[in-house]
C-alpha atoms as a PDB file:
ATOM      1  CA  UNK A   1      27.428 -17.954   3.309  1.00  0.00           C
ATOM      2  CA  UNK A   2      23.972 -17.377   4.731  1.00  0.00           C
ATOM      3  CA  UNK A   3      23.705 -15.303   7.886  1.00  0.00           C
ATOM      4  CA  UNK A   4      22.356 -18.277   9.848  1.00  0.00           C
ATOM      5  CA  UNK A   5      23.635 -20.133  12.897  1.00  0.00           C
ATOM      6  CA  UNK A   6      22.586 -23.804  12.499  1.00  0.00           C
ATOM      7  CA  UNK A   7      22.764 -24.389  16.250  1.00  0.00           C
ATOM      8  CA  UNK A   8      20.314 -21.544  16.856  1.00  0.00           C
ATOM      9  CA  UNK A   9      17.930 -22.887  14.209  1.00  0.00           C
ATOM     10  CA  UNK A  10      18.100 -26.364  15.768  1.00  0.00           C
ATOM     11  CA  UNK A  11      17.434 -24.937  19.222  1.00  0.00           C
ATOM     12  CA  UNK A  12      14.136 -23.359  18.198  1.00  0.00           C
ATOM     13  CA  UNK A  13      13.132 -26.197  15.868  1.00  0.00           C
ATOM     14  CA  UNK A  14      13.296 -28.566  18.850  1.00  0.00           C
ATOM     15  CA  UNK A  15      10.881 -26.348  20.798  1.00  0.00           C
ATOM     16  CA  UNK A  16       8.582 -25.405  17.916  1.00  0.00           C
ATOM     17  CA  UNK A  17       5.631 -27.615  18.894  1.00  0.00           C
ATOM     18  CA  UNK A  18       5.267 -25.696  22.166  1.00  0.00           C
ATOM     19  CA  UNK A  19       5.343 -22.200  20.642  1.00  0.00           C
ATOM     20  CA  UNK A  20       1.675 -21.417  21.278  1.00  0.00           C
ATOM     21  CA  UNK A  21       1.560 -22.961  24.774  1.00  0.00           C
ATOM     22  CA  UNK A  22       1.520 -19.997  27.217  1.00  0.00           C
ATOM     23  CA  UNK A  23       2.864 -22.207  29.999  1.00  0.00           C
ATOM     24  CA  UNK A  24       5.805 -23.524  27.961  1.00  0.00           C
ATOM     25  CA  UNK A  25       9.342 -22.227  27.443  1.00  0.00           C
ATOM     26  CA  UNK A  26       7.743 -19.486  25.358  1.00  0.00           C
ATOM     27  CA  UNK A  27       5.723 -18.099  28.274  1.00  0.00           C
ATOM     28  CA  UNK A  28       7.814 -14.877  28.387  1.00  0.00           C
ATOM     29  CA  UNK A  29       7.036 -14.237  24.701  1.00  0.00           C
ATOM     30  CA  UNK A  30       3.321 -14.668  25.390  1.00  0.00           C
ATOM     31  CA  UNK A  31       3.580 -12.181  28.244  1.00  0.00           C
ATOM     32  CA  UNK A  32       5.520  -9.502  26.377  1.00  0.00           C
ATOM     33  CA  UNK A  33       3.697  -9.857  23.069  1.00  0.00           C
ATOM     34  CA  UNK A  34       0.793  -7.492  23.948  1.00  0.00           C
ATOM     35  CA  UNK A  35       3.277  -4.901  25.232  1.00  0.00           C
ATOM     36  CA  UNK A  36       5.427  -4.878  22.116  1.00  0.00           C
ATOM     37  CA  UNK A  37       2.385  -5.017  19.829  1.00  0.00           C
ATOM     38  CA  UNK A  38       0.862  -1.970  21.549  1.00  0.00           C
ATOM     39  CA  UNK A  39       4.197  -0.141  21.296  1.00  0.00           C
ATOM     40  CA  UNK A  40       4.351  -0.814  17.550  1.00  0.00           C
ATOM     41  CA  UNK A  41       0.685   0.068  17.003  1.00  0.00           C
ATOM     42  CA  UNK A  42       1.204   3.372  18.781  1.00  0.00           C
ATOM     43  CA  UNK A  43       3.916   4.371  16.312  1.00  0.00           C
ATOM     44  CA  UNK A  44       2.846   2.851  13.005  1.00  0.00           C
ATOM     45  CA  UNK A  45      -0.455   2.553  11.152  1.00  0.00           C
ATOM     46  CA  UNK A  46      -1.198  -1.167  11.087  1.00  0.00           C
ATOM     47  CA  UNK A  47      -4.609  -1.235   9.432  1.00  0.00           C
ATOM     48  CA  UNK A  48      -4.035  -1.903   5.735  1.00  0.00           C
ATOM     49  CA  UNK A  49      -0.247  -1.714   5.875  1.00  0.00           C
ATOM     50  CA  UNK A  50       2.039  -4.294   4.264  1.00  0.00           C
ATOM     51  CA  UNK A  51       4.143  -5.708   7.102  1.00  0.00           C
ATOM     52  CA  UNK A  52       7.076  -8.097   7.380  1.00  0.00           C
ATOM     53  CA  UNK A  53       7.887 -10.068  10.538  1.00  0.00           C
ATOM     54  CA  UNK A  54      11.545 -11.156  10.334  1.00  0.00           C
ATOM     55  CA  UNK A  55      12.386 -14.196  12.457  1.00  0.00           C
ATOM     56  CA  UNK A  56       8.686 -14.755  13.129  1.00  0.00           C
ATOM     57  CA  UNK A  57       9.085 -18.152  14.796  1.00  0.00           C
ATOM     58  CA  UNK A  58       5.678 -19.671  15.519  1.00  0.00           C
ATOM     59  CA  UNK A  59       3.898 -16.438  14.661  1.00  0.00           C
ATOM     60  CA  UNK A  60       2.923 -14.773  17.954  1.00  0.00           C
ATOM     61  CA  UNK A  61       3.661 -11.239  16.815  1.00  0.00           C
ATOM     62  CA  UNK A  62       2.721 -12.053  13.221  1.00  0.00           C
ATOM     63  CA  UNK A  63      -0.837 -12.977  14.146  1.00  0.00           C
ATOM     64  CA  UNK A  64      -1.009  -9.950  16.411  1.00  0.00           C
ATOM     65  CA  UNK A  65      -0.120  -7.659  13.503  1.00  0.00           C
ATOM     66  CA  UNK A  66      -2.688  -9.413  11.314  1.00  0.00           C
ATOM     67  CA  UNK A  67      -5.383  -9.017  13.998  1.00  0.00           C
ATOM     68  CA  UNK A  68      -4.769  -5.250  13.880  1.00  0.00           C
ATOM     69  CA  UNK A  69      -5.433  -5.135  10.142  1.00  0.00           C
ATOM     70  CA  UNK A  70      -1.955  -5.548   8.641  1.00  0.00           C
ATOM     71  CA  UNK A  71      -1.256  -7.650   5.549  1.00  0.00           C
ATOM     72  CA  UNK A  72       1.615  -9.702   6.912  1.00  0.00           C
ATOM     73  CA  UNK A  73       4.468 -11.772   5.532  1.00  0.00           C
ATOM     74  CA  UNK A  74       6.169 -13.845   8.248  1.00  0.00           C
ATOM     75  CA  UNK A  75       9.614 -15.300   7.559  1.00  0.00           C
ATOM     76  CA  UNK A  76      11.899 -17.616   9.482  1.00  0.00           C
ATOM     77  CA  UNK A  77      14.868 -19.813   8.570  1.00  0.00           C
ATOM     78  CA  UNK A  78      13.448 -22.724  10.569  1.00  0.00           C
ATOM     79  CA  UNK A  79      11.018 -25.078   8.860  1.00  0.00           C
ATOM     80  CA  UNK A  80       9.456 -26.369  12.101  1.00  0.00           C
ATOM     81  CA  UNK A  81       8.469 -22.932  13.508  1.00  0.00           C
ATOM     82  CA  UNK A  82       6.981 -21.951  10.140  1.00  0.00           C
ATOM     83  CA  UNK A  83       5.030 -25.201  10.092  1.00  0.00           C
ATOM     84  CA  UNK A  84       3.614 -24.424  13.529  1.00  0.00           C
ATOM     85  CA  UNK A  85       2.846 -20.839  12.467  1.00  0.00           C
ATOM     86  CA  UNK A  86       0.979 -22.015   9.368  1.00  0.00           C
ATOM     87  CA  UNK A  87      -1.042 -24.548  11.348  1.00  0.00           C
ATOM     88  CA  UNK A  88      -2.030 -22.000  13.995  1.00  0.00           C
ATOM     89  CA  UNK A  89      -2.949 -19.468  11.317  1.00  0.00           C
ATOM     90  CA  UNK A  90      -5.313 -21.988   9.721  1.00  0.00           C
ATOM     91  CA  UNK A  91      -6.884 -22.699  13.089  1.00  0.00           C
ATOM     92  CA  UNK A  92      -7.264 -18.965  13.717  1.00  0.00           C
ATOM     93  CA  UNK A  93      -8.407 -18.271  10.136  1.00  0.00           C
ATOM     94  CA  UNK A  94      -5.565 -15.766   9.908  1.00  0.00           C
ATOM     95  CA  UNK A  95      -4.544 -14.902   6.355  1.00  0.00           C
ATOM     96  CA  UNK A  96      -0.765 -14.696   6.689  1.00  0.00           C
ATOM     97  CA  UNK A  97       1.923 -15.397   4.097  1.00  0.00           C
ATOM     98  CA  UNK A  98       4.482 -17.543   5.934  1.00  0.00           C
ATOM     99  CA  UNK A  99       7.759 -18.392   4.200  1.00  0.00           C
ATOM    100  CA  UNK A 100      10.886 -20.349   5.085  1.00  0.00           C
ATOM    101  CA  UNK A 101      13.451 -17.756   4.045  1.00  0.00           C
ATOM    102  CA  UNK A 102      15.586 -14.853   5.278  1.00  0.00           C
ATOM    103  CA  UNK A 103      15.443 -11.085   4.924  1.00  0.00           C
ATOM    104  CA  UNK A 104      18.629 -11.185   2.860  1.00  0.00           C
ATOM    105  CA  UNK A 105      17.026 -13.671   0.447  1.00  0.00           C
ATOM    106  CA  UNK A 106      13.982 -11.417   0.064  1.00  0.00           C
ATOM    107  CA  UNK A 107      16.311  -8.614  -0.995  1.00  0.00           C
ATOM    108  CA  UNK A 108      17.916 -10.890  -3.593  1.00  0.00           C
ATOM    109  CA  UNK A 109      14.470 -11.901  -4.823  1.00  0.00           C
ATOM    110  CA  UNK A 110      13.571  -8.211  -5.231  1.00  0.00           C
ATOM    111  CA  UNK A 111      10.560  -8.555  -2.931  1.00  0.00           C
ATOM    112  CA  UNK A 112       8.163  -5.597  -3.053  1.00  0.00           C
ATOM    113  CA  UNK A 113       8.815  -3.092  -0.285  1.00  0.00           C
ATOM    114  CA  UNK A 114       6.991  -3.001   3.047  1.00  0.00           C
ATOM    115  CA  UNK A 115       5.368  -0.218   5.070  1.00  0.00           C
ATOM    116  CA  UNK A 116       6.421  -1.850   8.337  1.00  0.00           C
ATOM    117  CA  UNK A 117       9.127  -4.329   9.314  1.00  0.00           C
ATOM    118  CA  UNK A 118       9.516  -5.975  12.716  1.00  0.00           C
ATOM    119  CA  UNK A 119      12.563  -7.961  13.793  1.00  0.00           C
ATOM    120  CA  UNK A 120      12.045  -8.809  17.449  1.00  0.00           C
ATOM    121  CA  UNK A 121      14.085 -11.097  19.709  1.00  0.00           C
ATOM    122  CA  UNK A 122      16.078 -12.299  16.713  1.00  0.00           C
ATOM    123  CA  UNK A 123      19.209 -10.191  16.152  1.00  0.00           C
ATOM    124  CA  UNK A 124      21.010 -11.860  19.059  1.00  0.00           C
ATOM    125  CA  UNK A 125      20.634 -15.253  17.347  1.00  0.00           C
ATOM    126  CA  UNK A 126      22.431 -14.586  14.034  1.00  0.00           C
ATOM    127  CA  UNK A 127      26.176 -14.383  13.226  1.00  0.00           C
ATOM    128  CA  UNK A 128      26.036 -10.828  11.811  1.00  0.00           C
ATOM    129  CA  UNK A 129      23.051  -8.716  12.939  1.00  0.00           C
ATOM    130  CA  UNK A 130      24.219  -5.755  10.840  1.00  0.00           C
ATOM    131  CA  UNK A 131      23.318  -7.728   7.700  1.00  0.00           C
ATOM    132  CA  UNK A 132      19.747  -8.152   8.956  1.00  0.00           C
ATOM    133  CA  UNK A 133      19.475  -4.423   9.605  1.00  0.00           C
ATOM    134  CA  UNK A 134      20.815  -3.668   6.126  1.00  0.00           C
ATOM    135  CA  UNK A 135      18.297  -6.058   4.546  1.00  0.00           C
ATOM    136  CA  UNK A 136      15.426  -4.500   6.521  1.00  0.00           C
ATOM    137  CA  UNK A 137      16.457  -1.059   5.301  1.00  0.00           C
ATOM    138  CA  UNK A 138      16.414  -2.272   1.703  1.00  0.00           C
ATOM    139  CA  UNK A 139      12.999  -3.901   2.131  1.00  0.00           C
ATOM    140  CA  UNK A 140      11.175  -1.030   3.832  1.00  0.00           C
ATOM    141  CA  UNK A 141       9.578   1.838   1.908  1.00  0.00           C
ATOM    142  CA  UNK A 142      10.746   5.430   2.135  1.00  0.00           C
ATOM    143  CA  UNK A 143       9.399   6.804   5.432  1.00  0.00           C
ATOM    144  CA  UNK A 144       8.465   3.238   6.409  1.00  0.00           C
ATOM    145  CA  UNK A 145       8.871   2.006   9.990  1.00  0.00           C
ATOM    146  CA  UNK A 146      11.285  -0.627  11.313  1.00  0.00           C
ATOM    147  CA  UNK A 147      11.302  -2.069  14.843  1.00  0.00           C
ATOM    148  CA  UNK A 148      14.162  -4.035  16.375  1.00  0.00           C
ATOM    149  CA  UNK A 149      14.240  -5.609  19.815  1.00  0.00           C
ATOM    150  CA  UNK A 150      17.077  -7.431  21.515  1.00  0.00           C
ATOM    151  CA  UNK A 151      19.071  -7.577  24.759  1.00  0.00           C
ATOM    152  CA  UNK A 152      21.632  -4.988  25.819  1.00  0.00           C
ATOM    153  CA  UNK A 153      25.190  -6.134  26.574  1.00  0.00           C
ATOM    154  CA  UNK A 154      26.432  -5.161  30.037  1.00  0.00           C
ATOM    155  CA  UNK A 155      26.904  -6.813  33.456  1.00  0.00           C
ATOM    156  CA  UNK A 156      23.309  -6.101  34.465  1.00  0.00           C
ATOM    157  CA  UNK A 157      21.874  -7.792  31.377  1.00  0.00           C
ATOM    158  CA  UNK A 158      24.106 -10.819  31.954  1.00  0.00           C
ATOM    159  CA  UNK A 159      22.785 -11.145  35.490  1.00  0.00           C
ATOM    160  CA  UNK A 160      19.114 -10.613  34.612  1.00  0.00           C
ATOM    161  CA  UNK A 161      18.790 -12.205  31.146  1.00  0.00           C
ATOM    162  CA  UNK A 162      21.049 -15.217  31.696  1.00  0.00           C
ATOM    163  CA  UNK A 163      21.704 -15.878  35.389  1.00  0.00           C
ATOM    164  CA  UNK A 164      18.275 -14.696  36.540  1.00  0.00           C
ATOM    165  CA  UNK A 165      16.017 -15.739  33.655  1.00  0.00           C
ATOM    166  CA  UNK A 166      17.706 -19.036  32.761  1.00  0.00           C
ATOM    167  CA  UNK A 167      19.199 -20.326  36.023  1.00  0.00           C
ATOM    168  CA  UNK A 168      17.360 -18.722  38.964  1.00  0.00           C
ATOM    169  CA  UNK A 169      13.792 -18.049  37.821  1.00  0.00           C
ATOM    170  CA  UNK A 170      13.767 -20.677  35.048  1.00  0.00           C
ATOM    171  CA  UNK A 171      11.862 -18.331  32.757  1.00  0.00           C
ATOM    172  CA  UNK A 172      13.853 -19.616  29.770  1.00  0.00           C
ATOM    173  CA  UNK A 173      15.670 -22.855  28.938  1.00  0.00           C
ATOM    174  CA  UNK A 174      19.339 -22.840  29.912  1.00  0.00           C
ATOM    175  CA  UNK A 175      21.468 -21.872  26.941  1.00  0.00           C
ATOM    176  CA  UNK A 176      18.781 -19.760  25.276  1.00  0.00           C
ATOM    177  CA  UNK A 177      21.104 -16.763  25.115  1.00  0.00           C
ATOM    178  CA  UNK A 178      24.805 -16.164  24.551  1.00  0.00           C
ATOM    179  CA  UNK A 179      26.061 -13.038  26.317  1.00  0.00           C
ATOM    180  CA  UNK A 180      28.620 -12.340  23.587  1.00  0.00           C
ATOM    181  CA  UNK A 181      25.754 -11.959  21.098  1.00  0.00           C
ATOM    182  CA  UNK A 182      23.925  -9.329  23.112  1.00  0.00           C
ATOM    183  CA  UNK A 183      23.821  -5.941  21.365  1.00  0.00           C
ATOM    184  CA  UNK A 184      24.147  -2.439  22.753  1.00  0.00           C
ATOM    185  CA  UNK A 185      21.667   0.214  21.537  1.00  0.00           C
ATOM    186  CA  UNK A 186      24.609   2.243  20.247  1.00  0.00           C
ATOM    187  CA  UNK A 187      25.650  -0.675  18.034  1.00  0.00           C
ATOM    188  CA  UNK A 188      22.209  -1.072  16.502  1.00  0.00           C
ATOM    189  CA  UNK A 189      22.032   2.669  15.962  1.00  0.00           C
ATOM    190  CA  UNK A 190      25.433   2.746  14.231  1.00  0.00           C
ATOM    191  CA  UNK A 191      24.438  -0.047  11.865  1.00  0.00           C
ATOM    192  CA  UNK A 192      21.020   1.524  11.260  1.00  0.00           C
ATOM    193  CA  UNK A 193      22.405   4.981  10.457  1.00  0.00           C
ATOM    194  CA  UNK A 194      24.798   3.390   7.959  1.00  0.00           C
ATOM    195  CA  UNK A 195      21.712   1.973   6.220  1.00  0.00           C
ATOM    196  CA  UNK A 196      19.740   5.261   6.115  1.00  0.00           C
ATOM    197  CA  UNK A 197      17.557   4.430   9.101  1.00  0.00           C
ATOM    198  CA  UNK A 198      16.976   7.131  11.717  1.00  0.00           C
ATOM    199  CA  UNK A 199      15.943   6.418  15.279  1.00  0.00           C
ATOM    200  CA  UNK A 200      12.531   7.717  16.292  1.00  0.00           C
ATOM    201  CA  UNK A 201      12.124   6.247  19.768  1.00  0.00           C
ATOM    202  CA  UNK A 202      13.394   3.562  22.106  1.00  0.00           C
ATOM    203  CA  UNK A 203      11.789   1.831  25.065  1.00  0.00           C
ATOM    204  CA  UNK A 204      12.932  -0.697  27.621  1.00  0.00           C
ATOM    205  CA  UNK A 205      11.110  -3.688  29.033  1.00  0.00           C
ATOM    206  CA  UNK A 206      11.494  -4.791  32.647  1.00  0.00           C
ATOM    207  CA  UNK A 207      10.359  -7.838  34.624  1.00  0.00           C
ATOM    208  CA  UNK A 208       9.190  -7.819  38.229  1.00  0.00           C
ATOM    209  CA  UNK A 209       9.918 -11.244  39.813  1.00  0.00           C
ATOM    210  CA  UNK A 210       7.487 -10.499  42.653  1.00  0.00           C
ATOM    211  CA  UNK A 211       4.425  -9.764  40.507  1.00  0.00           C
ATOM    212  CA  UNK A 212       5.768 -11.891  37.634  1.00  0.00           C
ATOM    213  CA  UNK A 213       4.782  -9.126  35.244  1.00  0.00           C
ATOM    214  CA  UNK A 214       6.581  -7.336  32.415  1.00  0.00           C
ATOM    215  CA  UNK A 215       6.135  -3.653  31.664  1.00  0.00           C
ATOM    216  CA  UNK A 216       7.494  -1.056  29.264  1.00  0.00           C
ATOM    217  CA  UNK A 217      10.003   1.245  30.915  1.00  0.00           C
ATOM    218  CA  UNK A 218      12.573   3.963  30.283  1.00  0.00           C
ATOM    219  CA  UNK A 219      15.172   1.463  31.504  1.00  0.00           C
ATOM    220  CA  UNK A 220      16.869   0.041  28.378  1.00  0.00           C
ATOM    221  CA  UNK A 221      19.712  -1.638  30.284  1.00  0.00           C
ATOM    222  CA  UNK A 222      18.397  -5.173  29.651  1.00  0.00           C
ATOM    223  CA  UNK A 223      15.608  -5.639  27.081  1.00  0.00           C
ATOM    224  CA  UNK A 224      14.820  -2.842  24.653  1.00  0.00           C
ATOM    225  CA  UNK A 225      12.846  -2.058  21.492  1.00  0.00           C
ATOM    226  CA  UNK A 226      14.114   0.565  19.041  1.00  0.00           C
ATOM    227  CA  UNK A 227      11.926   2.248  16.435  1.00  0.00           C
ATOM    228  CA  UNK A 228      13.416   3.538  13.171  1.00  0.00           C
ATOM    229  CA  UNK A 229      12.148   5.196  10.010  1.00  0.00           C
ATOM    230  CA  UNK A 230      13.647   5.083   6.528  1.00  0.00           C
ATOM    231  CA  UNK A 231      15.227   8.350   5.408  1.00  0.00           C
END
């Protein structure tokens, strides 16, 4: 069985046409994209590297990586988001290889290895995130860099990421996240170490409801990005 949740795919397919609208349901992604792109660029050489964006959706991060000089493959299991990503890339004259597939399928297809792999805001939407991490480890080169981002699992993250973001502030559509699928940093690290990935750094991301701004922070209790390298 593929490591895909059909209900999650349907959820994002229904919203795909609004992916590049900064005032849509994807507004938080538009706001955090420069932050996460700068974090990645500060820890990996993007210019000329071969990069893979796993769960790329409509291509926000993918185009950002391309704009910094990376040769990017963007993959997603949803046909509608990939269609939107391809259309926007043509409009932006961005040369990106978008594919409707999964990281696990790329492993089976013996895809050439990558210098950099990003899997952001995606692990919490699949049945078994450890399989994604294993596939990323198999696809990245020795000493290559892998970045994962997701939402921590604890009472604070439930309050901020679900109650606050979905029901109070209406930053995200209701039902975007399932608390049971949130992932603790220790869980990602355990799966990563089992796949010969070693942690290099980790950063949190916080939201200020007064200024309506996101920023990178040492606080990893809600949103966090972890940076690994292949042993």
